[in-house]
N, C-alpha and C. Protein backbone atom coordinates (compact mmCIF):
# COMPACT_ATOMS: atom_id res chain seq x y z
N UNK A 1 42.29 -156.46 25.51
CA UNK A 1 41.88 -157.86 25.31
C UNK A 1 41.64 -158.14 23.83
N UNK A 2 41.06 -157.12 23.16
CA UNK A 2 40.79 -157.31 21.74
C UNK A 2 42.09 -157.44 20.95
N UNK A 3 43.14 -156.70 21.35
CA UNK A 3 44.43 -156.79 20.67
C UNK A 3 45.03 -158.19 20.83
N UNK A 4 44.87 -158.76 22.01
CA UNK A 4 45.36 -160.12 22.24
C UNK A 4 44.62 -161.10 21.34
N UNK A 5 43.31 -160.92 21.22
CA UNK A 5 42.50 -161.78 20.36
C UNK A 5 42.97 -161.70 18.92
N UNK A 6 43.20 -160.47 18.43
CA UNK A 6 43.67 -160.29 17.06
C UNK A 6 45.06 -160.89 16.87
N UNK A 7 45.92 -160.74 17.87
CA UNK A 7 47.27 -161.29 17.77
C UNK A 7 47.23 -162.81 17.68
N UNK A 8 46.40 -163.44 18.51
CA UNK A 8 46.27 -164.90 18.48
C UNK A 8 45.72 -165.37 17.14
N UNK A 9 44.69 -164.67 16.64
CA UNK A 9 44.11 -165.03 15.34
C UNK A 9 45.14 -164.88 14.23
N UNK A 10 45.95 -163.82 14.30
CA UNK A 10 46.99 -163.62 13.28
C UNK A 10 48.03 -164.73 13.33
N UNK A 11 48.46 -165.13 14.52
CA UNK A 11 49.46 -166.19 14.64
C UNK A 11 48.92 -167.51 14.13
N UNK A 12 47.68 -167.82 14.46
CA UNK A 12 47.08 -169.07 13.97
C UNK A 12 46.96 -169.05 12.46
N UNK A 13 46.53 -167.92 11.90
CA UNK A 13 46.40 -167.80 10.45
C UNK A 13 47.75 -167.93 9.76
N UNK A 14 48.79 -167.33 10.36
CA UNK A 14 50.13 -167.42 9.78
C UNK A 14 50.64 -168.86 9.79
N UNK A 15 50.39 -169.59 10.87
CA UNK A 15 50.82 -170.99 10.94
C UNK A 15 50.10 -171.84 9.91
N UNK A 16 48.80 -171.61 9.75
CA UNK A 16 48.04 -172.37 8.75
C UNK A 16 48.54 -172.05 7.35
N UNK A 17 48.79 -170.77 7.07
CA UNK A 17 49.28 -170.37 5.75
C UNK A 17 50.65 -171.00 5.47
N UNK A 18 51.54 -171.00 6.46
CA UNK A 18 52.86 -171.60 6.28
C UNK A 18 52.75 -173.11 6.04
N UNK A 19 51.86 -173.75 6.79
CA UNK A 19 51.66 -175.20 6.63
C UNK A 19 51.17 -175.52 5.22
N UNK A 20 50.20 -174.75 4.73
CA UNK A 20 49.66 -175.01 3.40
C UNK A 20 50.70 -174.70 2.32
N UNK A 21 51.47 -173.62 2.51
CA UNK A 21 52.49 -173.27 1.52
C UNK A 21 53.56 -174.36 1.44
N UNK A 22 53.90 -174.95 2.56
CA UNK A 22 54.89 -176.03 2.55
C UNK A 22 54.33 -177.31 1.93
N UNK A 23 53.07 -177.60 2.19
CA UNK A 23 52.50 -178.90 1.85
C UNK A 23 51.96 -178.98 0.42
N UNK A 24 51.33 -177.92 -0.05
CA UNK A 24 50.68 -177.97 -1.36
C UNK A 24 51.71 -177.98 -2.49
N UNK A 25 51.35 -178.59 -3.63
CA UNK A 25 52.32 -178.69 -4.74
C UNK A 25 52.61 -177.34 -5.38
N UNK A 26 53.87 -177.18 -5.80
CA UNK A 26 54.31 -176.01 -6.53
C UNK A 26 55.03 -176.46 -7.79
N UNK A 27 55.11 -175.57 -8.77
CA UNK A 27 55.71 -175.92 -10.06
C UNK A 27 56.83 -174.93 -10.39
N UNK A 28 58.01 -175.45 -10.70
CA UNK A 28 59.14 -174.63 -11.10
C UNK A 28 59.55 -174.99 -12.52
N UNK A 29 59.82 -173.97 -13.34
CA UNK A 29 60.40 -174.19 -14.66
C UNK A 29 61.91 -173.98 -14.54
N UNK A 30 62.67 -175.05 -14.73
CA UNK A 30 64.12 -175.00 -14.50
C UNK A 30 64.84 -175.80 -15.57
N UNK A 31 66.15 -175.67 -15.55
CA UNK A 31 67.05 -176.49 -16.37
C UNK A 31 67.89 -177.36 -15.44
N UNK A 32 67.80 -178.67 -15.60
CA UNK A 32 68.53 -179.59 -14.72
C UNK A 32 70.00 -179.63 -15.12
N UNK A 33 70.87 -179.46 -14.14
CA UNK A 33 72.31 -179.44 -14.40
C UNK A 33 73.05 -180.64 -13.81
N UNK A 34 72.44 -181.34 -12.87
CA UNK A 34 73.13 -182.47 -12.27
C UNK A 34 72.24 -183.28 -11.35
N UNK A 35 72.61 -184.53 -11.15
CA UNK A 35 71.92 -185.42 -10.22
C UNK A 35 72.97 -186.23 -9.47
N UNK A 36 72.69 -186.53 -8.21
CA UNK A 36 73.65 -187.31 -7.43
C UNK A 36 72.96 -187.85 -6.18
N UNK A 37 73.61 -188.81 -5.56
CA UNK A 37 73.19 -189.35 -4.26
C UNK A 37 74.18 -188.89 -3.20
N UNK A 38 73.66 -188.66 -1.98
CA UNK A 38 74.54 -188.27 -0.89
C UNK A 38 73.98 -188.77 0.44
N UNK A 39 74.83 -189.37 1.24
CA UNK A 39 74.43 -189.77 2.59
C UNK A 39 74.36 -188.51 3.44
N UNK A 40 73.17 -188.21 3.92
CA UNK A 40 72.92 -186.95 4.61
C UNK A 40 72.56 -187.21 6.06
N UNK A 41 73.18 -186.45 6.95
CA UNK A 41 72.87 -186.55 8.37
C UNK A 41 71.56 -185.80 8.65
N UNK A 42 70.64 -186.48 9.29
CA UNK A 42 69.34 -185.90 9.63
C UNK A 42 69.25 -185.81 11.14
N UNK A 43 69.15 -184.60 11.65
CA UNK A 43 69.09 -184.39 13.09
C UNK A 43 67.83 -183.66 13.50
N UNK A 44 68.00 -182.43 13.98
CA UNK A 44 66.85 -181.65 14.44
C UNK A 44 65.93 -181.24 13.30
N UNK A 45 66.40 -181.35 12.05
CA UNK A 45 65.58 -180.99 10.90
C UNK A 45 64.87 -182.19 10.28
N UNK A 46 64.81 -183.31 11.00
CA UNK A 46 64.26 -184.54 10.42
C UNK A 46 62.79 -184.44 10.08
N UNK A 47 62.09 -183.46 10.67
CA UNK A 47 60.68 -183.29 10.34
C UNK A 47 60.49 -182.93 8.88
N UNK A 48 61.54 -182.38 8.24
CA UNK A 48 61.45 -181.97 6.84
C UNK A 48 61.94 -183.05 5.89
N UNK A 49 62.25 -184.23 6.41
CA UNK A 49 62.69 -185.34 5.58
C UNK A 49 61.72 -186.51 5.72
N UNK A 50 61.86 -187.47 4.81
CA UNK A 50 61.01 -188.65 4.87
C UNK A 50 61.33 -189.48 6.10
N UNK A 51 60.36 -190.25 6.55
CA UNK A 51 60.60 -191.16 7.67
C UNK A 51 61.60 -192.24 7.28
N UNK A 52 62.20 -192.83 8.29
CA UNK A 52 63.22 -193.85 8.03
C UNK A 52 62.66 -195.08 7.32
N UNK A 53 61.36 -195.31 7.43
CA UNK A 53 60.77 -196.48 6.78
C UNK A 53 60.42 -196.22 5.32
N UNK A 54 60.79 -195.04 4.78
CA UNK A 54 60.50 -194.75 3.38
C UNK A 54 61.51 -195.39 2.44
N UNK A 55 62.54 -196.01 2.99
CA UNK A 55 63.46 -196.79 2.16
C UNK A 55 64.82 -196.17 1.94
N UNK A 56 65.12 -195.02 2.55
CA UNK A 56 66.41 -194.37 2.33
C UNK A 56 67.27 -194.35 3.58
N UNK A 57 66.86 -195.03 4.63
CA UNK A 57 67.59 -194.95 5.90
C UNK A 57 68.86 -195.77 5.86
N UNK A 58 69.97 -195.14 6.25
CA UNK A 58 71.21 -195.85 6.49
C UNK A 58 71.33 -196.22 7.96
N UNK A 59 70.83 -195.33 8.82
CA UNK A 59 70.80 -195.55 10.26
C UNK A 59 69.70 -194.65 10.81
N UNK A 60 69.67 -194.50 12.11
CA UNK A 60 68.64 -193.65 12.71
C UNK A 60 68.88 -192.17 12.45
N UNK A 61 70.10 -191.81 12.03
CA UNK A 61 70.42 -190.39 11.85
C UNK A 61 70.87 -190.04 10.43
N UNK A 62 70.94 -190.98 9.53
CA UNK A 62 71.39 -190.68 8.17
C UNK A 62 70.41 -191.23 7.14
N UNK A 63 70.41 -190.57 5.98
CA UNK A 63 69.59 -191.00 4.85
C UNK A 63 70.47 -190.98 3.60
N UNK A 64 70.29 -191.97 2.74
CA UNK A 64 70.92 -191.97 1.42
C UNK A 64 69.94 -191.29 0.47
N UNK A 65 70.13 -190.00 0.27
CA UNK A 65 69.13 -189.19 -0.41
C UNK A 65 69.59 -188.84 -1.82
N UNK A 66 68.67 -188.89 -2.77
CA UNK A 66 68.92 -188.44 -4.13
C UNK A 66 68.68 -186.94 -4.22
N UNK A 67 69.52 -186.25 -4.98
CA UNK A 67 69.39 -184.81 -5.16
C UNK A 67 69.37 -184.47 -6.65
N UNK A 68 68.70 -183.36 -6.94
CA UNK A 68 68.61 -182.85 -8.31
C UNK A 68 69.03 -181.38 -8.29
N UNK A 69 70.06 -181.05 -9.05
CA UNK A 69 70.51 -179.66 -9.15
C UNK A 69 69.89 -179.02 -10.39
N UNK A 70 69.47 -177.76 -10.25
CA UNK A 70 68.82 -177.09 -11.37
C UNK A 70 69.10 -175.60 -11.33
N UNK A 71 68.81 -174.95 -12.46
CA UNK A 71 69.00 -173.51 -12.60
C UNK A 71 67.72 -172.92 -13.17
N UNK A 72 67.29 -171.81 -12.58
CA UNK A 72 66.13 -171.09 -13.10
C UNK A 72 66.54 -170.23 -14.29
N UNK A 73 65.53 -169.69 -14.97
CA UNK A 73 65.80 -168.85 -16.14
C UNK A 73 66.59 -167.60 -15.77
N UNK A 74 66.41 -167.11 -14.53
CA UNK A 74 67.12 -165.90 -14.11
C UNK A 74 68.53 -166.19 -13.60
N UNK A 75 68.96 -167.45 -13.67
CA UNK A 75 70.30 -167.81 -13.25
C UNK A 75 70.43 -168.29 -11.82
N UNK A 76 69.37 -168.17 -11.04
CA UNK A 76 69.41 -168.64 -9.65
C UNK A 76 69.37 -170.17 -9.60
N UNK A 77 70.21 -170.74 -8.76
CA UNK A 77 70.26 -172.19 -8.65
C UNK A 77 69.33 -172.67 -7.55
N UNK A 78 68.92 -173.92 -7.67
CA UNK A 78 68.08 -174.54 -6.65
C UNK A 78 68.39 -176.03 -6.63
N UNK A 79 68.32 -176.62 -5.46
CA UNK A 79 68.58 -178.04 -5.29
C UNK A 79 67.33 -178.69 -4.69
N UNK A 80 66.92 -179.79 -5.29
CA UNK A 80 65.77 -180.54 -4.81
C UNK A 80 66.26 -181.87 -4.23
N UNK A 81 65.60 -182.34 -3.21
CA UNK A 81 65.80 -183.73 -2.80
C UNK A 81 64.76 -184.57 -3.53
N UNK A 82 65.01 -185.86 -3.60
CA UNK A 82 64.11 -186.76 -4.31
C UNK A 82 63.91 -187.99 -3.44
N UNK A 83 62.90 -187.92 -2.57
CA UNK A 83 62.61 -189.01 -1.63
C UNK A 83 61.20 -189.52 -1.81
N UNK A 84 61.02 -190.81 -1.57
CA UNK A 84 59.67 -191.36 -1.48
C UNK A 84 58.99 -190.81 -0.23
N UNK A 85 57.73 -190.49 -0.36
CA UNK A 85 56.97 -190.05 0.82
C UNK A 85 56.30 -191.22 1.53
N UNK A 86 56.08 -192.32 0.80
CA UNK A 86 55.40 -193.46 1.42
C UNK A 86 53.99 -193.09 1.84
N UNK A 87 53.63 -193.55 3.04
CA UNK A 87 52.28 -193.29 3.55
C UNK A 87 52.23 -192.10 4.49
N UNK A 88 53.36 -191.39 4.65
CA UNK A 88 53.42 -190.32 5.62
C UNK A 88 52.89 -189.03 5.01
N UNK A 89 52.81 -188.00 5.84
CA UNK A 89 52.40 -186.68 5.39
C UNK A 89 53.58 -185.96 4.75
N UNK A 90 53.36 -185.22 3.67
CA UNK A 90 52.09 -184.99 2.98
C UNK A 90 51.69 -186.17 2.11
N UNK A 91 50.42 -186.34 1.85
CA UNK A 91 49.92 -187.56 1.21
C UNK A 91 50.10 -187.58 -0.31
N UNK A 92 51.34 -187.54 -0.75
CA UNK A 92 51.60 -187.66 -2.19
C UNK A 92 51.73 -189.13 -2.62
N UNK A 93 51.93 -190.01 -1.65
CA UNK A 93 52.04 -191.45 -1.91
C UNK A 93 53.06 -191.72 -3.03
N UNK A 94 54.21 -191.12 -2.87
CA UNK A 94 55.27 -191.23 -3.88
C UNK A 94 56.15 -192.42 -3.57
N UNK A 95 56.24 -193.32 -4.54
CA UNK A 95 57.07 -194.51 -4.38
C UNK A 95 58.12 -194.64 -5.49
N UNK A 96 58.16 -193.68 -6.42
CA UNK A 96 58.96 -193.84 -7.63
C UNK A 96 60.13 -192.87 -7.71
N UNK A 97 60.80 -192.63 -6.59
CA UNK A 97 61.92 -191.69 -6.62
C UNK A 97 63.03 -192.15 -7.56
N UNK A 98 63.21 -193.47 -7.73
CA UNK A 98 64.22 -193.97 -8.66
C UNK A 98 63.88 -193.56 -10.09
N UNK A 99 62.61 -193.68 -10.47
CA UNK A 99 62.20 -193.27 -11.81
C UNK A 99 62.35 -191.76 -12.01
N UNK A 100 61.99 -191.00 -10.97
CA UNK A 100 62.14 -189.54 -11.07
C UNK A 100 63.60 -189.17 -11.25
N UNK A 101 64.49 -189.88 -10.55
CA UNK A 101 65.92 -189.59 -10.68
C UNK A 101 66.41 -189.93 -12.08
N UNK A 102 65.91 -191.02 -12.64
CA UNK A 102 66.31 -191.40 -14.00
C UNK A 102 65.82 -190.38 -15.01
N UNK A 103 64.59 -189.87 -14.83
CA UNK A 103 64.07 -188.84 -15.72
C UNK A 103 64.91 -187.57 -15.61
N UNK A 104 65.29 -187.21 -14.39
CA UNK A 104 66.09 -186.01 -14.20
C UNK A 104 67.45 -186.16 -14.87
N UNK A 105 68.07 -187.33 -14.74
CA UNK A 105 69.38 -187.56 -15.37
C UNK A 105 69.26 -187.49 -16.89
N UNK A 106 68.18 -188.00 -17.42
CA UNK A 106 67.98 -188.00 -18.86
C UNK A 106 67.73 -186.60 -19.41
N UNK A 107 67.22 -185.69 -18.57
CA UNK A 107 66.86 -184.35 -19.03
C UNK A 107 67.92 -183.30 -18.67
N UNK A 108 69.12 -183.73 -18.26
CA UNK A 108 70.18 -182.78 -17.97
C UNK A 108 70.60 -182.05 -19.25
N UNK A 109 70.97 -180.78 -19.07
CA UNK A 109 71.40 -179.99 -20.23
C UNK A 109 72.31 -178.87 -19.76
N UNK A 110 72.92 -178.19 -20.72
CA UNK A 110 73.76 -177.04 -20.39
C UNK A 110 73.13 -175.78 -20.96
N UNK A 111 73.75 -174.63 -20.68
CA UNK A 111 73.16 -173.36 -21.08
C UNK A 111 73.24 -173.11 -22.58
N UNK A 112 74.11 -173.85 -23.27
CA UNK A 112 74.20 -173.69 -24.72
C UNK A 112 73.08 -174.41 -25.45
N UNK A 113 72.61 -175.51 -24.88
CA UNK A 113 71.49 -176.26 -25.47
C UNK A 113 70.54 -176.64 -24.35
N UNK A 114 69.81 -175.64 -23.82
CA UNK A 114 68.99 -175.89 -22.62
C UNK A 114 67.76 -176.75 -22.91
N UNK A 115 67.45 -177.61 -21.96
CA UNK A 115 66.20 -178.37 -21.96
C UNK A 115 65.43 -177.93 -20.72
N UNK A 116 64.31 -177.29 -20.92
CA UNK A 116 63.54 -176.77 -19.79
C UNK A 116 62.51 -177.79 -19.34
N UNK A 117 62.39 -177.93 -18.06
CA UNK A 117 61.47 -178.92 -17.50
C UNK A 117 60.63 -178.26 -16.40
N UNK A 118 59.51 -178.88 -16.13
CA UNK A 118 58.66 -178.47 -15.01
C UNK A 118 58.82 -179.49 -13.90
N UNK A 119 59.25 -179.01 -12.74
CA UNK A 119 59.40 -179.88 -11.57
C UNK A 119 58.29 -179.56 -10.58
N UNK A 120 57.46 -180.53 -10.33
CA UNK A 120 56.42 -180.39 -9.30
C UNK A 120 57.02 -180.83 -7.98
N UNK A 121 56.87 -179.99 -6.98
CA UNK A 121 57.50 -180.28 -5.69
C UNK A 121 56.67 -179.68 -4.57
N UNK A 122 57.03 -180.03 -3.35
CA UNK A 122 56.51 -179.38 -2.16
C UNK A 122 57.69 -179.10 -1.23
N UNK A 123 57.49 -178.18 -0.31
CA UNK A 123 58.54 -177.89 0.66
C UNK A 123 59.30 -176.62 0.33
N UNK A 124 60.31 -176.34 1.15
CA UNK A 124 61.11 -175.12 1.04
C UNK A 124 62.59 -175.46 0.93
N UNK A 125 63.33 -174.53 0.38
CA UNK A 125 64.80 -174.60 0.38
C UNK A 125 65.32 -173.59 1.38
N UNK A 126 65.91 -174.08 2.47
CA UNK A 126 66.52 -173.22 3.48
C UNK A 126 67.91 -173.76 3.77
N UNK A 127 68.92 -173.06 3.27
CA UNK A 127 70.29 -173.55 3.40
C UNK A 127 70.78 -173.54 4.84
N UNK A 128 70.27 -172.63 5.66
CA UNK A 128 70.79 -172.51 7.02
C UNK A 128 70.34 -173.64 7.93
N UNK A 129 69.31 -174.40 7.53
CA UNK A 129 68.94 -175.60 8.28
C UNK A 129 68.99 -176.85 7.39
N UNK A 130 69.57 -176.70 6.20
CA UNK A 130 69.80 -177.82 5.28
C UNK A 130 68.52 -178.60 4.97
N UNK A 131 67.51 -177.89 4.49
CA UNK A 131 66.31 -178.57 4.03
C UNK A 131 66.09 -178.22 2.56
N UNK A 132 65.43 -179.13 1.85
CA UNK A 132 65.27 -179.01 0.41
C UNK A 132 63.83 -179.34 0.03
N UNK A 133 63.30 -178.70 -1.01
CA UNK A 133 62.00 -179.13 -1.52
C UNK A 133 62.10 -180.53 -2.11
N UNK A 134 61.05 -181.30 -1.97
CA UNK A 134 61.04 -182.67 -2.46
C UNK A 134 60.38 -182.73 -3.84
N UNK A 135 61.13 -183.14 -4.84
CA UNK A 135 60.60 -183.26 -6.20
C UNK A 135 59.63 -184.43 -6.27
N UNK A 136 58.44 -184.17 -6.77
CA UNK A 136 57.42 -185.21 -6.88
C UNK A 136 57.36 -185.78 -8.29
N UNK A 137 57.47 -184.92 -9.30
CA UNK A 137 57.43 -185.38 -10.68
C UNK A 137 58.16 -184.39 -11.57
N UNK A 138 58.56 -184.85 -12.74
CA UNK A 138 59.27 -184.03 -13.72
C UNK A 138 58.65 -184.24 -15.08
N UNK A 139 58.46 -183.15 -15.80
CA UNK A 139 57.93 -183.24 -17.17
C UNK A 139 58.59 -182.16 -18.02
N UNK A 140 58.69 -182.41 -19.32
CA UNK A 140 59.32 -181.46 -20.22
C UNK A 140 58.44 -180.22 -20.36
N UNK A 141 59.09 -179.06 -20.53
CA UNK A 141 58.38 -177.79 -20.72
C UNK A 141 58.80 -177.18 -22.05
N UNK A 142 57.88 -176.43 -22.66
CA UNK A 142 58.17 -175.84 -23.96
C UNK A 142 59.23 -174.75 -23.89
N UNK A 143 59.37 -174.13 -22.73
CA UNK A 143 60.35 -173.06 -22.59
C UNK A 143 60.33 -172.49 -21.20
N UNK A 144 61.22 -171.55 -20.92
CA UNK A 144 61.29 -170.99 -19.56
C UNK A 144 60.13 -170.07 -19.20
N UNK A 145 59.35 -169.65 -20.20
CA UNK A 145 58.25 -168.71 -19.95
C UNK A 145 56.89 -169.41 -19.82
N UNK A 146 56.90 -170.72 -19.74
CA UNK A 146 55.64 -171.46 -19.64
C UNK A 146 54.97 -171.16 -18.29
N UNK A 147 53.67 -170.89 -18.33
CA UNK A 147 52.88 -170.69 -17.12
C UNK A 147 52.02 -171.91 -16.87
N UNK A 148 52.13 -172.45 -15.68
CA UNK A 148 51.39 -173.65 -15.32
C UNK A 148 50.27 -173.27 -14.35
N UNK A 149 49.05 -173.60 -14.70
CA UNK A 149 47.91 -173.29 -13.83
C UNK A 149 47.85 -174.31 -12.70
N UNK A 150 47.89 -173.86 -11.46
CA UNK A 150 47.84 -174.81 -10.32
C UNK A 150 46.40 -175.26 -10.05
N UNK A 151 45.92 -176.17 -10.87
CA UNK A 151 44.52 -176.59 -10.77
C UNK A 151 44.21 -177.22 -9.42
N UNK A 152 45.11 -178.05 -8.94
CA UNK A 152 44.84 -178.71 -7.66
C UNK A 152 44.70 -177.69 -6.55
N UNK A 153 45.63 -176.74 -6.49
CA UNK A 153 45.57 -175.72 -5.44
C UNK A 153 44.31 -174.87 -5.56
N UNK A 154 43.92 -174.54 -6.80
CA UNK A 154 42.71 -173.74 -7.01
C UNK A 154 41.48 -174.47 -6.49
N UNK A 155 41.34 -175.74 -6.86
CA UNK A 155 40.19 -176.52 -6.40
C UNK A 155 40.23 -176.69 -4.88
N UNK A 156 41.43 -176.91 -4.34
CA UNK A 156 41.56 -177.09 -2.90
C UNK A 156 41.11 -175.85 -2.14
N UNK A 157 41.54 -174.67 -2.57
CA UNK A 157 41.19 -173.45 -1.85
C UNK A 157 39.71 -173.10 -2.02
N UNK A 158 39.14 -173.40 -3.18
CA UNK A 158 37.69 -173.19 -3.34
C UNK A 158 36.93 -174.09 -2.38
N UNK A 159 37.33 -175.35 -2.31
CA UNK A 159 36.69 -176.28 -1.38
C UNK A 159 36.89 -175.83 0.07
N UNK A 160 38.11 -175.39 0.40
CA UNK A 160 38.40 -174.96 1.77
C UNK A 160 37.57 -173.73 2.14
N UNK A 161 37.45 -172.78 1.21
CA UNK A 161 36.65 -171.58 1.49
C UNK A 161 35.19 -171.95 1.71
N UNK A 162 34.66 -172.85 0.87
CA UNK A 162 33.28 -173.29 1.05
C UNK A 162 33.07 -173.98 2.39
N UNK A 163 34.05 -174.81 2.78
CA UNK A 163 33.94 -175.52 4.06
C UNK A 163 33.97 -174.54 5.23
N UNK A 164 34.85 -173.55 5.17
CA UNK A 164 34.94 -172.56 6.25
C UNK A 164 33.65 -171.76 6.36
N UNK A 165 33.09 -171.36 5.22
CA UNK A 165 31.82 -170.60 5.24
C UNK A 165 30.70 -171.44 5.81
N UNK A 166 30.64 -172.70 5.41
CA UNK A 166 29.59 -173.59 5.91
C UNK A 166 29.70 -173.77 7.43
N UNK A 167 30.92 -174.03 7.91
CA UNK A 167 31.12 -174.23 9.35
C UNK A 167 30.78 -172.96 10.13
N UNK A 168 31.20 -171.80 9.59
CA UNK A 168 30.93 -170.53 10.27
C UNK A 168 29.43 -170.26 10.36
N UNK A 169 28.70 -170.48 9.28
CA UNK A 169 27.25 -170.25 9.30
C UNK A 169 26.56 -171.23 10.24
N UNK A 170 27.01 -172.47 10.25
CA UNK A 170 26.41 -173.45 11.16
C UNK A 170 26.66 -173.05 12.61
N UNK A 171 27.88 -172.56 12.89
CA UNK A 171 28.20 -172.12 14.24
C UNK A 171 27.36 -170.91 14.65
N UNK A 172 27.17 -169.95 13.75
CA UNK A 172 26.37 -168.77 14.06
C UNK A 172 24.93 -169.16 14.34
N UNK A 173 24.38 -170.06 13.52
CA UNK A 173 23.00 -170.50 13.75
C UNK A 173 22.88 -171.22 15.09
N UNK A 174 23.84 -172.09 15.38
CA UNK A 174 23.80 -172.80 16.65
C UNK A 174 23.92 -171.84 17.82
N UNK A 175 24.85 -170.90 17.71
CA UNK A 175 25.05 -169.93 18.79
C UNK A 175 23.81 -169.08 19.01
N UNK A 176 23.22 -168.59 17.93
CA UNK A 176 22.05 -167.73 18.06
C UNK A 176 20.86 -168.49 18.63
N UNK A 177 20.64 -169.70 18.12
CA UNK A 177 19.50 -170.49 18.60
C UNK A 177 19.66 -170.87 20.07
N UNK A 178 20.87 -171.25 20.43
CA UNK A 178 21.13 -171.61 21.83
C UNK A 178 20.96 -170.41 22.74
N UNK A 179 21.46 -169.25 22.31
CA UNK A 179 21.35 -168.05 23.12
C UNK A 179 19.90 -167.60 23.26
N UNK A 180 19.16 -167.66 22.15
CA UNK A 180 17.75 -167.26 22.22
C UNK A 180 16.98 -168.16 23.17
N UNK A 181 17.27 -169.46 23.12
CA UNK A 181 16.60 -170.39 24.02
C UNK A 181 16.94 -170.08 25.48
N UNK A 182 18.24 -169.78 25.74
CA UNK A 182 18.64 -169.45 27.11
C UNK A 182 17.98 -168.16 27.59
N UNK A 183 17.88 -167.18 26.71
CA UNK A 183 17.24 -165.92 27.07
C UNK A 183 15.75 -166.10 27.35
N UNK A 184 15.10 -166.92 26.55
CA UNK A 184 13.68 -167.18 26.77
C UNK A 184 13.45 -167.87 28.11
N UNK A 185 14.33 -168.82 28.44
CA UNK A 185 14.21 -169.47 29.74
C UNK A 185 14.43 -168.48 30.88
N UNK A 186 15.40 -167.57 30.69
CA UNK A 186 15.65 -166.55 31.70
C UNK A 186 14.44 -165.64 31.86
N UNK A 187 13.81 -165.32 30.76
CA UNK A 187 12.61 -164.48 30.81
C UNK A 187 11.51 -165.14 31.63
N UNK A 188 11.32 -166.44 31.39
CA UNK A 188 10.31 -167.16 32.16
C UNK A 188 10.65 -167.21 33.63
N UNK A 189 11.93 -167.41 33.93
CA UNK A 189 12.34 -167.46 35.34
C UNK A 189 12.08 -166.12 36.03
N UNK A 190 12.28 -165.04 35.30
CA UNK A 190 12.05 -163.72 35.89
C UNK A 190 10.61 -163.56 36.33
N UNK A 191 9.68 -164.02 35.51
CA UNK A 191 8.28 -163.90 35.88
C UNK A 191 7.90 -164.83 37.02
N UNK A 192 8.56 -166.00 37.04
CA UNK A 192 8.25 -166.91 38.15
C UNK A 192 8.81 -166.38 39.46
N UNK A 193 10.03 -165.79 39.39
CA UNK A 193 10.63 -165.24 40.59
C UNK A 193 9.90 -163.99 41.05
N UNK A 194 9.24 -163.29 40.13
CA UNK A 194 8.59 -162.04 40.45
C UNK A 194 7.33 -162.16 41.27
N UNK A 195 7.05 -163.29 41.82
CA UNK A 195 5.85 -163.47 42.64
C UNK A 195 5.89 -162.63 43.91
N UNK A 196 7.05 -162.15 44.32
CA UNK A 196 7.16 -161.37 45.55
C UNK A 196 6.66 -159.95 45.39
N UNK A 197 6.45 -159.53 44.14
CA UNK A 197 5.91 -158.18 43.97
C UNK A 197 6.11 -157.66 42.58
N UNK A 198 5.23 -156.76 42.18
CA UNK A 198 5.27 -156.20 40.85
C UNK A 198 6.55 -155.41 40.60
N UNK A 199 7.01 -154.63 41.59
CA UNK A 199 8.21 -153.81 41.43
C UNK A 199 9.44 -154.67 41.17
N UNK A 200 9.56 -155.77 41.92
CA UNK A 200 10.70 -156.68 41.73
C UNK A 200 10.67 -157.29 40.35
N UNK A 201 9.47 -157.68 39.92
CA UNK A 201 9.34 -158.29 38.59
C UNK A 201 9.73 -157.30 37.49
N UNK A 202 9.29 -156.04 37.64
CA UNK A 202 9.64 -155.04 36.64
C UNK A 202 11.14 -154.75 36.61
N UNK A 203 11.77 -154.71 37.77
CA UNK A 203 13.21 -154.47 37.83
C UNK A 203 13.98 -155.60 37.16
N UNK A 204 13.62 -156.85 37.45
CA UNK A 204 14.29 -157.99 36.83
C UNK A 204 14.06 -158.01 35.32
N UNK A 205 12.87 -157.62 34.92
CA UNK A 205 12.55 -157.61 33.49
C UNK A 205 13.41 -156.58 32.75
N UNK A 206 13.57 -155.39 33.35
CA UNK A 206 14.41 -154.37 32.74
C UNK A 206 15.87 -154.83 32.65
N UNK A 207 16.34 -155.52 33.68
CA UNK A 207 17.70 -156.04 33.65
C UNK A 207 17.85 -157.11 32.56
N UNK A 208 16.80 -157.92 32.41
CA UNK A 208 16.83 -158.94 31.36
C UNK A 208 16.88 -158.32 29.98
N UNK A 209 16.10 -157.24 29.76
CA UNK A 209 16.13 -156.56 28.47
C UNK A 209 17.51 -155.96 28.20
N UNK A 210 18.13 -155.38 29.21
CA UNK A 210 19.46 -154.81 29.04
C UNK A 210 20.49 -155.90 28.73
N UNK A 211 20.38 -157.05 29.40
CA UNK A 211 21.28 -158.16 29.15
C UNK A 211 21.11 -158.69 27.73
N UNK A 212 19.87 -158.82 27.30
CA UNK A 212 19.58 -159.33 25.96
C UNK A 212 20.14 -158.39 24.90
N UNK A 213 19.95 -157.07 25.10
CA UNK A 213 20.47 -156.10 24.14
C UNK A 213 21.99 -156.13 24.09
N UNK A 214 22.64 -156.27 25.24
CA UNK A 214 24.10 -156.32 25.28
C UNK A 214 24.65 -157.54 24.55
N UNK A 215 24.03 -158.70 24.78
CA UNK A 215 24.50 -159.93 24.15
C UNK A 215 24.31 -159.87 22.64
N UNK A 216 23.14 -159.37 22.20
CA UNK A 216 22.90 -159.29 20.76
C UNK A 216 23.87 -158.34 20.08
N UNK A 217 24.17 -157.23 20.70
CA UNK A 217 25.16 -156.31 20.13
C UNK A 217 26.54 -156.95 20.05
N UNK A 218 26.89 -157.74 21.07
CA UNK A 218 28.17 -158.45 21.05
C UNK A 218 28.22 -159.46 19.91
N UNK A 219 27.10 -160.15 19.67
CA UNK A 219 27.04 -161.12 18.59
C UNK A 219 27.18 -160.44 17.24
N UNK A 220 26.58 -159.27 17.09
CA UNK A 220 26.69 -158.55 15.83
C UNK A 220 28.14 -158.12 15.58
N UNK A 221 28.84 -157.70 16.62
CA UNK A 221 30.22 -157.28 16.46
C UNK A 221 31.15 -158.44 16.13
N UNK A 222 30.78 -159.65 16.62
CA UNK A 222 31.63 -160.81 16.35
C UNK A 222 31.41 -161.36 14.96
């Protein structure tokens, strides 16, 4: 039973980690090589694209999506989509995809005269299901070796850790106080029921002590 509990906890933790990794902003230092628009069919992977009311819908199954092609310092290529998020999740409230596309076009360069930029984005690139990270903003970078401190993510995780600790401590206090109250009531009931004889009362009392010790040990292990 304990293995099942650990397996469930691991699966939940993995899902939360994947959700946060997809949603939180990331920064890439790249060289932009091209920009273009393409009418893209959106089917079973539509959860990874903007809603149709974000302004790029051609029909219920297609989007006129802007794309940005780029190359990393190590030569690996990556393609970003450039869509407004509107009011949907994740809450970037991005409405300026046209401006982002214009900035990307202006910052295109080749390997002989590279212009390095920092692209802030969220999401993943998975070619086998045709999904792309969504570029949120673009800014010039001093070079390919620039390190960008993810301040938002740092503050977010500090806040999240504090919230989890607070909720856990509140739950432990509630659980302990509620259990102690229930045990005290049980103790009183034992003495009231024990009116039939001293031996019965002593037996119930010993069982109550054993129950209390078992529960407290279980709480310590949890």
